[in-house]
Amino acid sequence: MIDPNMAASAYANSQRIAVSSSSESGDTSSSSGSGSSGGVSFADLVKGKAEDALDTMRASEVMSAKAITGEADITKVVEAVTAAEVTLQTVVALRDRMISSYQEIMRMPI
């Protein structure tokens, strides 16, 4: 089960990283349509995290293939597969939560 406090702190940490990286690259544009005075939009944050999840899964596949051919250390393979497993569990938990939230919104009276 995902702890909401951990999720909130991870989100805040992601915001800090995104803001610091955009300020380092000289990007001063405000997030479009968010109404905030700067930072990253929620859509950009989700897109970035989805890409990170895909990268983790791809790295695990590469390490698994290297293990089959005998090119990789078994410890590195286990680390990559474990990271992929945790990533998959997180993505599934987020998907379930989004579906639950959508269903709750659809039940709201107009």
Protein backbone atom coordinates (compact mmCIF):
# COMPACT_ATOMS: atom_id res chain seq x y z
CA MET A 1 0.00 0.00 0.00
CA ILE A 2 1.26 3.46 -0.82
CA ASP A 3 1.55 5.91 2.05
CA PRO A 4 -0.12 9.24 1.14
CA ASN A 5 2.49 11.18 3.11
CA MET A 6 5.30 9.53 1.15
CA ALA A 7 3.49 10.28 -2.10
CA ALA A 8 3.05 13.93 -1.11
CA SER A 9 6.70 14.27 -0.15
CA ALA A 10 7.77 12.59 -3.40
CA TYR A 11 5.59 15.03 -5.33
CA ALA A 12 7.07 17.99 -3.46
CA ASN A 13 10.57 16.67 -4.08
CA SER A 14 9.80 16.27 -7.80
CA GLN A 15 8.54 19.85 -7.91
CA ARG A 16 11.74 21.11 -6.28
CA ILE A 17 13.89 19.14 -8.71
CA ALA A 18 11.88 20.30 -11.72
CA VAL A 19 11.96 23.93 -10.63
CA SER A 20 15.69 23.82 -9.93
CA SER A 21 16.45 22.12 -13.25
CA SER A 22 14.32 24.60 -15.19
CA SER A 23 16.02 27.54 -13.46
CA GLU A 24 19.45 26.06 -14.22
CA SER A 25 18.58 25.69 -17.91
CA GLY A 26 17.32 29.27 -18.06
CA ASP A 27 13.69 28.33 -18.64
CA THR A 28 11.60 31.09 -17.08
CA SER A 29 8.30 30.24 -18.72
CA SER A 30 5.34 29.63 -16.49
CA SER A 31 3.39 26.40 -16.70
CA SER A 32 0.55 26.83 -19.14
CA GLY A 33 -2.95 26.81 -17.78
CA SER A 34 -2.04 25.93 -14.24
CA GLY A 35 -2.60 29.36 -12.76
CA SER A 36 0.58 29.07 -10.72
CA SER A 37 3.40 31.56 -10.70
CA GLY A 38 5.95 29.03 -11.98
CA GLY A 39 7.00 25.44 -11.73
CA VAL A 40 5.87 22.43 -13.67
CA SER A 41 2.32 21.58 -14.66
CA PHE A 42 0.76 18.40 -13.32
CA ALA A 43 0.58 16.95 -16.84
CA ASP A 44 4.31 17.53 -17.34
CA LEU A 45 5.07 15.94 -13.99
CA VAL A 46 3.00 12.84 -14.79
CA LYS A 47 4.54 12.60 -18.26
CA GLY A 48 8.04 12.81 -16.81
CA LYS A 49 7.35 10.17 -14.19
CA ALA A 50 5.76 7.88 -16.80
CA GLU A 51 8.89 8.22 -18.93
CA ASP A 52 11.03 7.43 -15.87
CA ALA A 53 8.94 4.30 -15.25
CA LEU A 54 9.38 3.20 -18.86
CA ASP A 55 13.14 3.78 -18.63
CA THR A 56 13.30 1.64 -15.49
CA MET A 57 11.36 -1.17 -17.19
CA ARG A 58 13.56 -1.00 -20.28
CA ALA A 59 16.72 -1.11 -18.17
CA SER A 60 15.39 -4.20 -16.43
CA GLU A 61 14.71 -5.88 -19.77
CA VAL A 62 18.23 -5.08 -20.97
CA MET A 63 19.77 -6.46 -17.78
CA SER A 64 17.63 -9.60 -18.03
CA ALA A 65 18.80 -10.14 -21.60
CA LYS A 66 22.42 -9.64 -20.53
CA ALA A 67 21.90 -12.18 -17.74
CA ILE A 68 20.66 -14.75 -20.23
CA THR A 69 23.77 -14.29 -22.36
CA GLY A 70 26.02 -14.27 -19.28
CA GLU A 71 27.21 -10.68 -19.76
CA ALA A 72 25.79 -9.22 -16.53
CA ASP A 73 26.52 -9.66 -12.87
CA ILE A 74 23.62 -11.41 -11.13
CA THR A 75 23.52 -8.75 -8.41
CA LYS A 76 22.96 -6.00 -10.98
CA VAL A 77 20.24 -8.10 -12.62
CA VAL A 78 18.43 -8.62 -9.32
CA GLU A 79 18.65 -4.88 -8.57
CA ALA A 80 17.22 -4.00 -11.99
CA VAL A 81 14.40 -6.53 -11.74
CA THR A 82 13.54 -5.39 -8.21
CA ALA A 83 13.46 -1.76 -9.36
CA ALA A 84 11.16 -2.76 -12.22
CA GLU A 85 8.89 -4.65 -9.83
CA VAL A 86 8.59 -1.67 -7.48
CA THR A 87 7.96 0.64 -10.44
CA LEU A 88 5.23 -1.63 -11.76
CA GLN A 89 3.55 -1.81 -8.35
CA THR A 90 3.64 2.00 -8.11
CA VAL A 91 2.19 2.46 -11.59
CA VAL A 92 -0.60 -0.04 -10.89
CA ALA A 93 -1.41 1.68 -7.57
CA LEU A 94 -1.56 5.07 -9.30
CA ARG A 95 -3.76 3.68 -12.06
CA ASP A 96 -6.15 2.19 -9.52
CA ARG A 97 -6.27 5.45 -7.59
CA MET A 98 -6.95 7.47 -10.75
CA ILE A 99 -9.76 5.15 -11.77
CA SER A 100 -11.23 5.34 -8.28
CA SER A 101 -11.03 9.15 -8.33
CA TYR A 102 -12.64 9.31 -11.76
CA GLN A 103 -15.49 7.07 -10.63
CA GLU A 104 -15.98 9.21 -7.54
CA ILE A 105 -16.15 12.37 -9.66
CA MET A 106 -18.68 10.74 -11.98
CA ARG A 107 -20.91 9.92 -8.99
CA MET A 108 -20.99 13.57 -7.87
CA PRO A 109 -24.29 15.37 -8.39
CA ILE A 110 -24.25 18.21 -10.87
